Amino acid sequence: MHLRETLSSANGILVYYDDDADGLASFLLVKHAFPEAIGIRAARGPELGEEFLRYEQTYKPSIILILDKPAVSDAFFEGTKTPIIWIDHHSGEDPQRSTVTYINHCKEGRDEPTSYWIYKEIGGPLWLAAAGCISDWHSCLLAELQQNQSDLAPQTVQITDALYHAPIGKIIRILNFSMKGTSKDIRQTVHALARIRDPQELLQPTTFEAKTVYKHTKKLIETYEKQLQQASQARIEEGILVHYFKHEQQSFVADIANELLATSEAEIIIIARGDERRTNISLRSKEKVLPDAVQQALSGLDGYGGGHDVACGASIHTEDWEIFLHRLLPLLKT
């Protein structure tokens, strides 16, 4: 498919994107090329559900673009006749529907993030595409960034250096934290991000748009640093670090798991955050394949989980957390 040509002929583009840096960067690349595109942050779990159909009724697009979502419910597909282009990089299946064009290169042995494929199809700022890819721990655009925008890139090819010791890593953190907070604040921040053309604006906020982003993310980053410090003090037993946050207002489990994997001596990181009802979990590993163990530990529990081999997540009822962890740890130690 020639994505740019298809979108150019559309009379209204509605974009559902995942609420992480890869999903956001993918949408912003589309927005750069097609300013009329309307973006909807598709949070509430890995699946795009029928509750999001109300946005189609509001905006009446001629085409729907789904970016970086690993699953879409049958009810969503059945609730619309609008043509859909679904672009993803998780292991999934083609829904085999006449109205859906499914683009996923996993079965070809390609695992580049969604922002990579959007960049290759329609172009856009390299720094933005590279941020999306590096945020998913993929170095596919790192060499190009080093060659063309060396002021943002690390001097090495190590993905951890890009994430935690280079300006591009600061941009990734801003993108990630732009997806946290109230819906109103997130909408305003994404609107401001879509108007930023120079990455230095994010690093040294002087424009109105950059100041809007900075205002939203500053307190979140400060809260994150405190939570990171707490989690970093957890004991490492048999190569596994586990930390549970109770009733924290903001959830940074994925970000903390990523950074601790890069900076601690643990081989596997498990970071969870729970309230009275549900607990959300992020798991990271340096080598151990995680999804099968997570699925076994979830068996019979009211929850879901999945993701990539060394980076995945899960969500369960809080009362089942101890059961889940008791099952999971032995599976990870084998």
C-alpha atoms as a PDB file:
ATOM      1  CA  MET A   1       0.000   0.000   0.000  1.00  0.00           C
ATOM      2  CA  HIS A   2       1.110   3.562  -0.792  1.00  0.00           C
ATOM      3  CA  LEU A   3       0.000   5.121   2.472  1.00  0.00           C
ATOM      4  CA  ARG A   4       0.717   8.745   1.583  1.00  0.00           C
ATOM      5  CA  GLU A   5      -1.310   8.514  -1.628  1.00  0.00           C
ATOM      6  CA  THR A   6      -4.199   6.833   0.168  1.00  0.00           C
ATOM      7  CA  LEU A   7      -4.313   9.442   2.930  1.00  0.00           C
ATOM      8  CA  SER A   8      -3.906  12.286   0.461  1.00  0.00           C
ATOM      9  CA  SER A   9      -7.163  11.301  -1.219  1.00  0.00           C
ATOM     10  CA  ALA A  10      -9.059  10.999   2.079  1.00  0.00           C
ATOM     11  CA  ASN A  11     -11.784  13.423   3.064  1.00  0.00           C
ATOM     12  CA  GLY A  12     -11.135  13.379   6.788  1.00  0.00           C
ATOM     13  CA  ILE A  13      -8.629  11.190   8.651  1.00  0.00           C
ATOM     14  CA  LEU A  14      -9.359   9.849  12.140  1.00  0.00           C
ATOM     15  CA  VAL A  15      -6.320   8.375  13.908  1.00  0.00           C
ATOM     16  CA  TYR A  16      -6.461   6.100  16.952  1.00  0.00           C
ATOM     17  CA  TYR A  17      -2.998   5.747  18.481  1.00  0.00           C
ATOM     18  CA  ASP A  18      -1.532   3.907  21.449  1.00  0.00           C
ATOM     19  CA  ASP A  19      -0.695   5.967  24.528  1.00  0.00           C
ATOM     20  CA  ASP A  20       3.072   5.572  24.548  1.00  0.00           C
ATOM     21  CA  ALA A  21       5.924   7.377  22.812  1.00  0.00           C
ATOM     22  CA  ASP A  22       5.844   5.103  19.750  1.00  0.00           C
ATOM     23  CA  GLY A  23       2.103   5.543  19.311  1.00  0.00           C
ATOM     24  CA  LEU A  24       2.276   9.295  19.891  1.00  0.00           C
ATOM     25  CA  ALA A  25       5.243   9.755  17.548  1.00  0.00           C
ATOM     26  CA  SER A  26       3.401   7.750  14.883  1.00  0.00           C
ATOM     27  CA  PHE A  27       0.387  10.040  15.130  1.00  0.00           C
ATOM     28  CA  LEU A  28       2.516  13.205  15.148  1.00  0.00           C
ATOM     29  CA  LEU A  29       4.246  12.039  11.956  1.00  0.00           C
ATOM     30  CA  VAL A  30       0.830  11.668  10.330  1.00  0.00           C
ATOM     31  CA  LYS A  31      -0.205  15.073  11.695  1.00  0.00           C
ATOM     32  CA  HIS A  32       2.918  16.690  10.217  1.00  0.00           C
ATOM     33  CA  ALA A  33       2.040  15.335   6.780  1.00  0.00           C
ATOM     34  CA  PHE A  34      -1.724  15.784   7.081  1.00  0.00           C
ATOM     35  CA  PRO A  35      -2.565  18.663   9.457  1.00  0.00           C
ATOM     36  CA  GLU A  36      -6.282  17.972   9.125  1.00  0.00           C
ATOM     37  CA  ALA A  37      -5.918  14.541  10.750  1.00  0.00           C
ATOM     38  CA  ILE A  38      -7.743  14.138  14.073  1.00  0.00           C
ATOM     39  CA  GLY A  39      -5.967  12.086  16.744  1.00  0.00           C
ATOM     40  CA  ILE A  40      -7.592  10.067  19.526  1.00  0.00           C
ATOM     41  CA  ARG A  41      -5.400   8.613  22.278  1.00  0.00           C
ATOM     42  CA  ALA A  42      -6.556   5.001  22.586  1.00  0.00           C
ATOM     43  CA  ALA A  43      -5.812   4.177  26.213  1.00  0.00           C
ATOM     44  CA  ARG A  44      -7.814   1.764  28.436  1.00  0.00           C
ATOM     45  CA  GLY A  45      -5.754  -1.338  27.694  1.00  0.00           C
ATOM     46  CA  PRO A  46      -4.215  -3.020  24.670  1.00  0.00           C
ATOM     47  CA  GLU A  47      -7.486  -3.436  22.765  1.00  0.00           C
ATOM     48  CA  LEU A  48      -9.297  -0.748  20.793  1.00  0.00           C
ATOM     49  CA  GLY A  49     -12.914  -1.284  21.808  1.00  0.00           C
ATOM     50  CA  GLU A  50     -16.315  -0.283  20.518  1.00  0.00           C
ATOM     51  CA  GLU A  51     -16.519   2.621  23.001  1.00  0.00           C
ATOM     52  CA  PHE A  52     -14.206   4.530  20.647  1.00  0.00           C
ATOM     53  CA  LEU A  53     -16.731   4.422  17.804  1.00  0.00           C
ATOM     54  CA  ARG A  54     -18.368   7.584  19.140  1.00  0.00           C
ATOM     55  CA  TYR A  55     -15.493   9.617  17.731  1.00  0.00           C
ATOM     56  CA  GLU A  56     -16.333   8.434  14.230  1.00  0.00           C
ATOM     57  CA  GLN A  57     -19.870   9.719  14.700  1.00  0.00           C
ATOM     58  CA  THR A  58     -18.445  13.080  15.789  1.00  0.00           C
ATOM     59  CA  TYR A  59     -15.812  13.581  13.087  1.00  0.00           C
ATOM     60  CA  LYS A  60     -17.263  11.510  10.204  1.00  0.00           C
ATOM     61  CA  PRO A  61     -13.931  10.589   8.575  1.00  0.00           C
ATOM     62  CA  SER A  62     -13.578   8.918   5.208  1.00  0.00           C
ATOM     63  CA  ILE A  63     -10.747   6.764   6.558  1.00  0.00           C
ATOM     64  CA  ILE A  64      -9.677   5.454   9.983  1.00  0.00           C
ATOM     65  CA  LEU A  65      -6.034   4.883  10.854  1.00  0.00           C
ATOM     66  CA  ILE A  66      -5.158   2.642  13.829  1.00  0.00           C
ATOM     67  CA  LEU A  67      -1.555   2.939  15.006  1.00  0.00           C
ATOM     68  CA  ASP A  68       0.437   0.747  17.385  1.00  0.00           C
ATOM     69  CA  LYS A  69      -2.579  -1.035  18.900  1.00  0.00           C
ATOM     70  CA  PRO A  70      -2.005  -4.789  19.318  1.00  0.00           C
ATOM     71  CA  ALA A  71      -5.717  -5.666  19.304  1.00  0.00           C
ATOM     72  CA  VAL A  72      -9.016  -4.330  17.999  1.00  0.00           C
ATOM     73  CA  SER A  73     -12.343  -5.760  19.135  1.00  0.00           C
ATOM     74  CA  ASP A  74     -14.762  -7.409  16.729  1.00  0.00           C
ATOM     75  CA  ALA A  75     -17.422  -5.016  17.997  1.00  0.00           C
ATOM     76  CA  PHE A  76     -15.344  -2.062  16.790  1.00  0.00           C
ATOM     77  CA  PHE A  77     -15.002  -3.524  13.307  1.00  0.00           C
ATOM     78  CA  GLU A  78     -18.664  -4.441  13.165  1.00  0.00           C
ATOM     79  CA  GLY A  79     -19.716  -0.959  14.289  1.00  0.00           C
ATOM     80  CA  THR A  80     -18.246   0.901  11.320  1.00  0.00           C
ATOM     81  CA  LYS A  81     -18.282   0.700   7.534  1.00  0.00           C
ATOM     82  CA  THR A  82     -15.504   3.268   7.182  1.00  0.00           C
ATOM     83  CA  PRO A  83     -12.313   1.891   5.576  1.00  0.00           C
ATOM     84  CA  ILE A  84      -9.633   1.143   8.171  1.00  0.00           C
ATOM     85  CA  ILE A  85      -5.842   0.973   7.879  1.00  0.00           C
ATOM     86  CA  TRP A  86      -4.365  -0.770  10.903  1.00  0.00           C
ATOM     87  CA  ILE A  87      -0.569  -0.525  11.282  1.00  0.00           C
ATOM     88  CA  ASP A  88       1.112  -2.392  14.121  1.00  0.00           C
ATOM     89  CA  HIS A  89       4.307  -4.212  15.071  1.00  0.00           C
ATOM     90  CA  HIS A  90       3.092  -6.584  17.798  1.00  0.00           C
ATOM     91  CA  SER A  91       2.437 -10.247  17.097  1.00  0.00           C
ATOM     92  CA  GLY A  92      -1.144 -10.296  15.883  1.00  0.00           C
ATOM     93  CA  GLU A  93      -3.461 -11.684  13.258  1.00  0.00           C
ATOM     94  CA  ASP A  94      -5.002 -10.110  10.190  1.00  0.00           C
ATOM     95  CA  PRO A  95      -8.709  -9.647  11.015  1.00  0.00           C
ATOM     96  CA  GLN A  96      -9.569 -10.721   7.456  1.00  0.00           C
ATOM     97  CA  ARG A  97     -12.240  -8.078   6.941  1.00  0.00           C
ATOM     98  CA  SER A  98     -13.010  -6.419   3.625  1.00  0.00           C
ATOM     99  CA  THR A  99     -12.930  -2.931   5.125  1.00  0.00           C
ATOM    100  CA  VAL A 100      -9.599  -3.415   6.929  1.00  0.00           C
ATOM    101  CA  THR A 101      -6.089  -3.136   5.505  1.00  0.00           C
ATOM    102  CA  TYR A 102      -3.787  -4.734   8.074  1.00  0.00           C
ATOM    103  CA  ILE A 103      -0.071  -3.868   7.908  1.00  0.00           C
ATOM    104  CA  ASN A 104       2.213  -5.828  10.221  1.00  0.00           C
ATOM    105  CA  HIS A 105       5.673  -7.015   9.218  1.00  0.00           C
ATOM    106  CA  CYS A 106       6.194  -9.374  12.162  1.00  0.00           C
ATOM    107  CA  LYS A 107       5.592 -12.475  10.058  1.00  0.00           C
ATOM    108  CA  GLU A 108       8.365 -11.312   7.749  1.00  0.00           C
ATOM    109  CA  GLY A 109      10.753 -11.294  10.693  1.00  0.00           C
ATOM    110  CA  ARG A 110      10.660  -7.508  10.978  1.00  0.00           C
ATOM    111  CA  ASP A 111      10.081  -5.955  14.395  1.00  0.00           C
ATOM    112  CA  GLU A 112      10.599  -2.245  13.805  1.00  0.00           C
ATOM    113  CA  PRO A 113       8.147  -0.044  15.758  1.00  0.00           C
ATOM    114  CA  THR A 114       5.099   1.552  14.160  1.00  0.00           C
ATOM    115  CA  SER A 115       6.753   4.976  13.994  1.00  0.00           C
ATOM    116  CA  TYR A 116       9.452   3.478  11.734  1.00  0.00           C
ATOM    117  CA  TRP A 117       6.898   2.283   9.200  1.00  0.00           C
ATOM    118  CA  ILE A 118       4.993   5.576   9.247  1.00  0.00           C
ATOM    119  CA  TYR A 119       8.268   7.433   8.705  1.00  0.00           C
ATOM    120  CA  LYS A 120       9.199   5.201   5.779  1.00  0.00           C
ATOM    121  CA  GLU A 121       5.732   5.508   4.217  1.00  0.00           C
ATOM    122  CA  ILE A 122       5.014   9.225   4.581  1.00  0.00           C
ATOM    123  CA  GLY A 123       8.230  10.837   5.814  1.00  0.00           C
ATOM    124  CA  GLY A 124       8.359  13.507   8.493  1.00  0.00           C
ATOM    125  CA  PRO A 125      10.910  14.703  11.044  1.00  0.00           C
ATOM    126  CA  LEU A 126      13.667  12.161  11.608  1.00  0.00           C
ATOM    127  CA  TRP A 127      14.051  13.124  15.272  1.00  0.00           C
ATOM    128  CA  LEU A 128      10.400  12.353  15.922  1.00  0.00           C
ATOM    129  CA  ALA A 129      10.502   8.960  14.199  1.00  0.00           C
ATOM    130  CA  ALA A 130      13.779   8.086  15.932  1.00  0.00           C
ATOM    131  CA  ALA A 131      12.290   9.012  19.307  1.00  0.00           C
ATOM    132  CA  GLY A 132       9.361   6.668  18.707  1.00  0.00           C
ATOM    133  CA  CYS A 133      11.635   3.801  17.683  1.00  0.00           C
ATOM    134  CA  ILE A 134      14.210   4.249  20.429  1.00  0.00           C
ATOM    135  CA  SER A 135      11.428   4.486  23.022  1.00  0.00           C
ATOM    136  CA  ASP A 136      10.528   0.920  22.029  1.00  0.00           C
ATOM    137  CA  TRP A 137      14.178  -0.101  22.461  1.00  0.00           C
ATOM    138  CA  HIS A 138      14.814  -0.374  18.737  1.00  0.00           C
ATOM    139  CA  SER A 139      17.902   1.095  17.083  1.00  0.00           C
ATOM    140  CA  CYS A 140      16.592   1.010  13.487  1.00  0.00           C
ATOM    141  CA  LEU A 141      16.928   4.796  13.045  1.00  0.00           C
ATOM    142  CA  LEU A 142      19.797   5.425  15.441  1.00  0.00           C
ATOM    143  CA  ALA A 143      22.543   5.430  12.801  1.00  0.00           C
ATOM    144  CA  GLU A 144      20.515   7.801  10.621  1.00  0.00           C
ATOM    145  CA  LEU A 145      20.002  10.098  13.606  1.00  0.00           C
ATOM    146  CA  GLN A 146      23.728  10.055  14.388  1.00  0.00           C
ATOM    147  CA  GLN A 147      24.525  10.952  10.787  1.00  0.00           C
ATOM    148  CA  ASN A 148      21.942  13.692  10.313  1.00  0.00           C
ATOM    149  CA  GLN A 149      21.183  15.075  13.781  1.00  0.00           C
ATOM    150  CA  SER A 150      24.232  14.192  15.831  1.00  0.00           C
ATOM    151  CA  ASP A 151      23.424  16.845  18.426  1.00  0.00           C
ATOM    152  CA  LEU A 152      20.526  14.660  19.587  1.00  0.00           C
ATOM    153  CA  ALA A 153      22.221  11.271  19.363  1.00  0.00           C
ATOM    154  CA  PRO A 154      24.585   9.354  21.634  1.00  0.00           C
ATOM    155  CA  GLN A 155      28.139   8.722  20.515  1.00  0.00           C
ATOM    156  CA  THR A 156      27.668   4.962  20.863  1.00  0.00           C
ATOM    157  CA  VAL A 157      25.213   2.540  19.257  1.00  0.00           C
ATOM    158  CA  GLN A 158      23.919   1.381  22.636  1.00  0.00           C
ATOM    159  CA  ILE A 159      20.179   1.880  22.940  1.00  0.00           C
ATOM    160  CA  THR A 160      20.513   2.565  26.672  1.00  0.00           C
ATOM    161  CA  ASP A 161      22.888   5.445  25.942  1.00  0.00           C
ATOM    162  CA  ALA A 162      20.315   6.903  23.578  1.00  0.00           C
ATOM    163  CA  LEU A 163      17.558   6.531  26.173  1.00  0.00           C
ATOM    164  CA  TYR A 164      19.350   7.774  29.277  1.00  0.00           C
ATOM    165  CA  HIS A 165      22.485   9.665  28.232  1.00  0.00           C
ATOM    166  CA  ALA A 166      21.530  11.677  25.131  1.00  0.00           C
ATOM    167  CA  PRO A 167      19.178  14.546  24.253  1.00  0.00           C
ATOM    168  CA  ILE A 168      16.948  12.203  22.239  1.00  0.00           C
ATOM    169  CA  GLY A 169      16.266  10.369  25.507  1.00  0.00           C
ATOM    170  CA  LYS A 170      14.985  13.595  27.070  1.00  0.00           C
ATOM    171  CA  ILE A 171      12.630  14.033  24.127  1.00  0.00           C
ATOM    172  CA  ILE A 172      11.395  10.455  24.566  1.00  0.00           C
ATOM    173  CA  ARG A 173      10.669  11.131  28.234  1.00  0.00           C
ATOM    174  CA  ILE A 174       8.700  14.232  27.272  1.00  0.00           C
ATOM    175  CA  LEU A 175       6.661  12.221  24.741  1.00  0.00           C
ATOM    176  CA  ASN A 176       5.960   9.484  27.265  1.00  0.00           C
ATOM    177  CA  PHE A 177       4.911  11.878  30.011  1.00  0.00           C
ATOM    178  CA  SER A 178       2.775  13.874  27.602  1.00  0.00           C
ATOM    179  CA  MET A 179       0.458  10.847  27.692  1.00  0.00           C
ATOM    180  CA  LYS A 180      -0.086  11.091  31.449  1.00  0.00           C
ATOM    181  CA  GLY A 181      -2.392  13.324  33.463  1.00  0.00           C
ATOM    182  CA  THR A 182      -5.927  14.559  32.870  1.00  0.00           C
ATOM    183  CA  SER A 183      -7.549  14.133  29.461  1.00  0.00           C
ATOM    184  CA  LYS A 184      -7.753  17.909  29.061  1.00  0.00           C
ATOM    185  CA  ASP A 185      -4.060  18.412  29.823  1.00  0.00           C
ATOM    186  CA  ILE A 186      -3.073  15.580  27.469  1.00  0.00           C
ATOM    187  CA  ARG A 187      -5.136  17.035  24.611  1.00  0.00           C
ATOM    188  CA  GLN A 188      -3.561  20.459  25.072  1.00  0.00           C
ATOM    189  CA  THR A 189      -0.073  18.979  25.229  1.00  0.00           C
ATOM    190  CA  VAL A 190      -0.501  16.847  22.115  1.00  0.00           C
ATOM    191  CA  HIS A 191      -1.925  19.859  20.275  1.00  0.00           C
ATOM    192  CA  ALA A 192       1.199  21.819  21.229  1.00  0.00           C
ATOM    193  CA  LEU A 193       3.516  18.956  20.251  1.00  0.00           C
ATOM    194  CA  ALA A 194       1.935  18.815  16.801  1.00  0.00           C
ATOM    195  CA  ARG A 195       3.047  22.422  16.201  1.00  0.00           C
ATOM    196  CA  ILE A 196       6.677  21.899  17.187  1.00  0.00           C
ATOM    197  CA  ARG A 197       9.085  21.604  14.277  1.00  0.00           C
ATOM    198  CA  ASP A 198      12.497  21.976  15.931  1.00  0.00           C
ATOM    199  CA  PRO A 199      13.451  19.428  18.635  1.00  0.00           C
ATOM    200  CA  GLN A 200      15.519  22.076  20.388  1.00  0.00           C
ATOM    201  CA  GLU A 201      12.221  23.733  21.322  1.00  0.00           C
ATOM    202  CA  LEU A 202      11.514  20.752  23.590  1.00  0.00           C
ATOM    203  CA  LEU A 203      14.989  20.801  25.112  1.00  0.00           C
ATOM    204  CA  GLN A 204      15.079  24.571  25.653  1.00  0.00           C
ATOM    205  CA  PRO A 205      11.435  25.674  25.815  1.00  0.00           C
ATOM    206  CA  THR A 206      11.096  29.235  24.575  1.00  0.00           C
ATOM    207  CA  THR A 207       8.026  29.120  22.330  1.00  0.00           C
ATOM    208  CA  PHE A 208       4.438  29.090  23.569  1.00  0.00           C
ATOM    209  CA  GLU A 209       3.966  25.491  22.370  1.00  0.00           C
ATOM    210  CA  ALA A 210       7.149  24.252  24.035  1.00  0.00           C
ATOM    211  CA  LYS A 211       6.255  26.007  27.290  1.00  0.00           C
ATOM    212  CA  THR A 212       2.848  24.315  27.214  1.00  0.00           C
ATOM    213  CA  VAL A 213       4.514  20.912  26.948  1.00  0.00           C
ATOM    214  CA  TYR A 214       7.075  21.785  29.623  1.00  0.00           C
ATOM    215  CA  LYS A 215       4.405  22.959  32.056  1.00  0.00           C
ATOM    216  CA  HIS A 216       2.513  19.680  31.704  1.00  0.00           C
ATOM    217  CA  THR A 217       5.498  17.332  31.949  1.00  0.00           C
ATOM    218  CA  LYS A 218       7.668  19.082  34.581  1.00  0.00           C
ATOM    219  CA  LYS A 219       5.785  17.911  37.689  1.00  0.00           C
ATOM    220  CA  LEU A 220       5.247  14.466  36.202  1.00  0.00           C
ATOM    221  CA  ILE A 221       8.979  14.051  35.648  1.00  0.00           C
ATOM    222  CA  GLU A 222       9.671  15.119  39.232  1.00  0.00           C
ATOM    223  CA  THR A 223       7.150  12.559  40.535  1.00  0.00           C
ATOM    224  CA  TYR A 224       8.679   9.916  38.295  1.00  0.00           C
ATOM    225  CA  GLU A 225      12.155  10.547  39.676  1.00  0.00           C
ATOM    226  CA  LYS A 226      10.851   9.998  43.232  1.00  0.00           C
ATOM    227  CA  GLN A 227       9.128   6.746  42.304  1.00  0.00           C
ATOM    228  CA  LEU A 228      12.191   5.564  40.396  1.00  0.00           C
ATOM    229  CA  GLN A 229      14.313   6.123  43.485  1.00  0.00           C
ATOM    230  CA  GLN A 230      11.888   4.075  45.586  1.00  0.00           C
ATOM    231  CA  ALA A 231      11.828   1.165  43.145  1.00  0.00           C
ATOM    232  CA  SER A 232      15.610   1.170  42.710  1.00  0.00           C
ATOM    233  CA  GLN A 233      15.989   0.325  46.404  1.00  0.00           C
ATOM    234  CA  ALA A 234      14.054  -2.948  46.083  1.00  0.00           C
ATOM    235  CA  ARG A 235      15.972  -6.142  46.758  1.00  0.00           C
ATOM    236  CA  ILE A 236      17.183  -8.225  43.839  1.00  0.00           C
ATOM    237  CA  GLU A 237      16.599 -11.935  44.475  1.00  0.00           C
ATOM    238  CA  GLU A 238      17.927 -14.513  42.033  1.00  0.00           C
ATOM    239  CA  GLY A 239      18.300 -11.799  39.413  1.00  0.00           C
ATOM    240  CA  ILE A 240      14.708 -10.530  39.727  1.00  0.00           C
ATOM    241  CA  LEU A 241      13.676  -7.128  41.066  1.00  0.00           C
ATOM    242  CA  VAL A 242      10.036  -6.719  42.137  1.00  0.00           C
ATOM    243  CA  HIS A 243       8.448  -3.504  43.386  1.00  0.00           C
ATOM    244  CA  TYR A 244       4.785  -2.737  44.058  1.00  0.00           C
ATOM    245  CA  PHE A 245       3.373   0.790  44.257  1.00  0.00           C
ATOM    246  CA  LYS A 246       0.154   1.186  46.249  1.00  0.00           C
ATOM    247  CA  HIS A 247      -2.396   3.873  45.455  1.00  0.00           C
ATOM    248  CA  GLU A 248      -0.005   6.154  43.590  1.00  0.00           C
ATOM    249  CA  GLN A 249      -1.932   8.810  41.674  1.00  0.00           C
ATOM    250  CA  GLN A 250       0.345   8.589  38.636  1.00  0.00           C
ATOM    251  CA  SER A 251       1.495   5.358  37.059  1.00  0.00           C
ATOM    252  CA  PHE A 252       5.018   5.132  35.664  1.00  0.00           C
ATOM    253  CA  VAL A 253       5.436   1.367  35.810  1.00  0.00           C
ATOM    254  CA  ALA A 254       6.573   0.947  32.193  1.00  0.00           C
ATOM    255  CA  ASP A 255       9.030   3.845  32.346  1.00  0.00           C
ATOM    256  CA  ILE A 256      10.491   2.678  35.672  1.00  0.00           C
ATOM    257  CA  ALA A 257      10.809  -0.904  34.448  1.00  0.00           C
ATOM    258  CA  ASN A 258      12.662   0.278  31.350  1.00  0.00           C
ATOM    259  CA  GLU A 259      15.109   2.467  33.230  1.00  0.00           C
ATOM    260  CA  LEU A 260      15.828  -0.090  35.955  1.00  0.00           C
ATOM    261  CA  LEU A 261      16.533  -2.754  33.350  1.00  0.00           C
ATOM    262  CA  ALA A 262      19.203  -0.452  31.939  1.00  0.00           C
ATOM    263  CA  THR A 263      20.663   0.783  35.228  1.00  0.00           C
ATOM    264  CA  SER A 264      20.282  -2.017  37.791  1.00  0.00           C
ATOM    265  CA  GLU A 265      22.023  -5.370  38.069  1.00  0.00           C
ATOM    266  CA  ALA A 266      18.742  -7.295  37.829  1.00  0.00           C
ATOM    267  CA  GLU A 267      18.113  -9.575  34.861  1.00  0.00           C
ATOM    268  CA  ILE A 268      14.334  -9.236  35.151  1.00  0.00           C
ATOM    269  CA  ILE A 269      12.302  -6.257  36.354  1.00  0.00           C
ATOM    270  CA  ILE A 270       8.688  -6.468  37.599  1.00  0.00           C
ATOM    271  CA  ILE A 271       7.058  -3.144  38.492  1.00  0.00           C
ATOM    272  CA  ALA A 272       3.395  -3.023  39.547  1.00  0.00           C
ATOM    273  CA  ARG A 273       0.921  -0.349  40.628  1.00  0.00           C
ATOM    274  CA  GLY A 274      -2.386  -1.194  42.245  1.00  0.00           C
ATOM    275  CA  ASP A 275      -5.435   0.301  43.873  1.00  0.00           C
ATOM    276  CA  GLU A 276      -8.383  -1.445  45.526  1.00  0.00           C
ATOM    277  CA  ARG A 277      -9.585  -2.823  42.194  1.00  0.00           C
ATOM    278  CA  ARG A 278      -6.824  -3.438  39.673  1.00  0.00           C
ATOM    279  CA  THR A 279      -3.089  -3.825  39.452  1.00  0.00           C
ATOM    280  CA  ASN A 280      -1.134  -2.949  36.307  1.00  0.00           C
ATOM    281  CA  ILE A 281       2.226  -4.608  35.782  1.00  0.00           C
ATOM    282  CA  SER A 282       5.221  -3.973  33.519  1.00  0.00           C
ATOM    283  CA  LEU A 283       7.844  -6.644  33.011  1.00  0.00           C
ATOM    284  CA  ARG A 284      11.249  -6.292  31.379  1.00  0.00           C
ATOM    285  CA  SER A 285      14.010  -8.816  30.776  1.00  0.00           C
ATOM    286  CA  LYS A 286      17.532  -8.749  29.441  1.00  0.00           C
ATOM    287  CA  GLU A 287      17.204 -12.206  27.867  1.00  0.00           C
ATOM    288  CA  LYS A 288      14.333 -14.252  29.301  1.00  0.00           C
ATOM    289  CA  VAL A 289      11.278 -14.526  27.052  1.00  0.00           C
ATOM    290  CA  LEU A 290       8.350 -13.230  29.087  1.00  0.00           C
ATOM    291  CA  PRO A 291       4.926 -13.580  27.380  1.00  0.00           C
ATOM    292  CA  ASP A 292       4.490 -17.355  27.781  1.00  0.00           C
ATOM    293  CA  ALA A 293       5.297 -17.187  31.491  1.00  0.00           C
ATOM    294  CA  VAL A 294       2.898 -14.269  31.938  1.00  0.00           C
ATOM    295  CA  GLN A 295       0.093 -16.141  30.187  1.00  0.00           C
ATOM    296  CA  GLN A 296       0.646 -19.234  32.337  1.00  0.00           C
ATOM    297  CA  ALA A 297       0.613 -17.146  35.510  1.00  0.00           C
ATOM    298  CA  LEU A 298      -2.633 -15.477  34.395  1.00  0.00           C
ATOM    299  CA  SER A 299      -4.441 -18.761  33.782  1.00  0.00           C
ATOM    300  CA  GLY A 300      -7.836 -18.741  35.509  1.00  0.00           C
ATOM    301  CA  LEU A 301      -7.426 -15.166  36.762  1.00  0.00           C
ATOM    302  CA  ASP A 302      -9.442 -12.165  35.628  1.00  0.00           C
ATOM    303  CA  GLY A 303      -6.750 -10.378  33.706  1.00  0.00           C
ATOM    304  CA  TYR A 304      -4.861 -10.016  30.471  1.00  0.00           C
ATOM    305  CA  GLY A 305      -1.281  -9.595  29.363  1.00  0.00           C
ATOM    306  CA  GLY A 306       1.137  -9.748  26.472  1.00  0.00           C
ATOM    307  CA  GLY A 307       3.652  -7.796  24.452  1.00  0.00           C
ATOM    308  CA  HIS A 308       7.142  -8.396  23.134  1.00  0.00           C
ATOM    309  CA  ASP A 309       9.572 -11.150  24.125  1.00  0.00           C
ATOM    310  CA  VAL A 310      11.542  -9.058  26.629  1.00  0.00           C
ATOM    311  CA  ALA A 311       9.026  -6.283  27.320  1.00  0.00           C
ATOM    312  CA  CYS A 312       5.418  -6.941  28.171  1.00  0.00           C
ATOM    313  CA  GLY A 313       2.638  -5.963  30.530  1.00  0.00           C
ATOM    314  CA  ALA A 314      -0.340  -7.350  32.395  1.00  0.00           C
ATOM    315  CA  SER A 315      -3.397  -6.175  34.285  1.00  0.00           C
ATOM    316  CA  ILE A 316      -5.229  -8.168  36.950  1.00  0.00           C
ATOM    317  CA  HIS A 317      -7.584  -7.778  39.893  1.00  0.00           C
ATOM    318  CA  THR A 318      -5.543  -6.532  42.833  1.00  0.00           C
ATOM    319  CA  GLU A 319      -6.710  -9.418  45.006  1.00  0.00           C
ATOM    320  CA  ASP A 320      -5.016 -11.798  42.526  1.00  0.00           C
ATOM    321  CA  TRP A 321      -1.630 -10.047  42.572  1.00  0.00           C
ATOM    322  CA  GLU A 322      -0.012 -12.382  45.094  1.00  0.00           C
ATOM    323  CA  ILE A 323      -1.330 -15.453  43.262  1.00  0.00           C
ATOM    324  CA  PHE A 324      -0.017 -14.122  39.960  1.00  0.00           C
ATOM    325  CA  LEU A 325       3.409 -13.314  41.397  1.00  0.00           C
ATOM    326  CA  HIS A 326       3.633 -16.670  43.218  1.00  0.00           C
ATOM    327  CA  ARG A 327       3.017 -18.457  39.912  1.00  0.00           C
ATOM    328  CA  LEU A 328       5.205 -16.193  37.810  1.00  0.00           C
ATOM    329  CA  LEU A 329       8.466 -16.164  39.749  1.00  0.00           C
ATOM    330  CA  PRO A 330       9.229 -19.902  39.434  1.00  0.00           C
ATOM    331  CA  LEU A 331       8.483 -19.741  35.698  1.00  0.00           C
ATOM    332  CA  LEU A 332      10.990 -16.927  35.273  1.00  0.00           C
ATOM    333  CA  LYS A 333      13.672 -18.755  37.223  1.00  0.00           C
ATOM    334  CA  THR A 334      13.619 -21.866  35.017  1.00  0.00           C
END
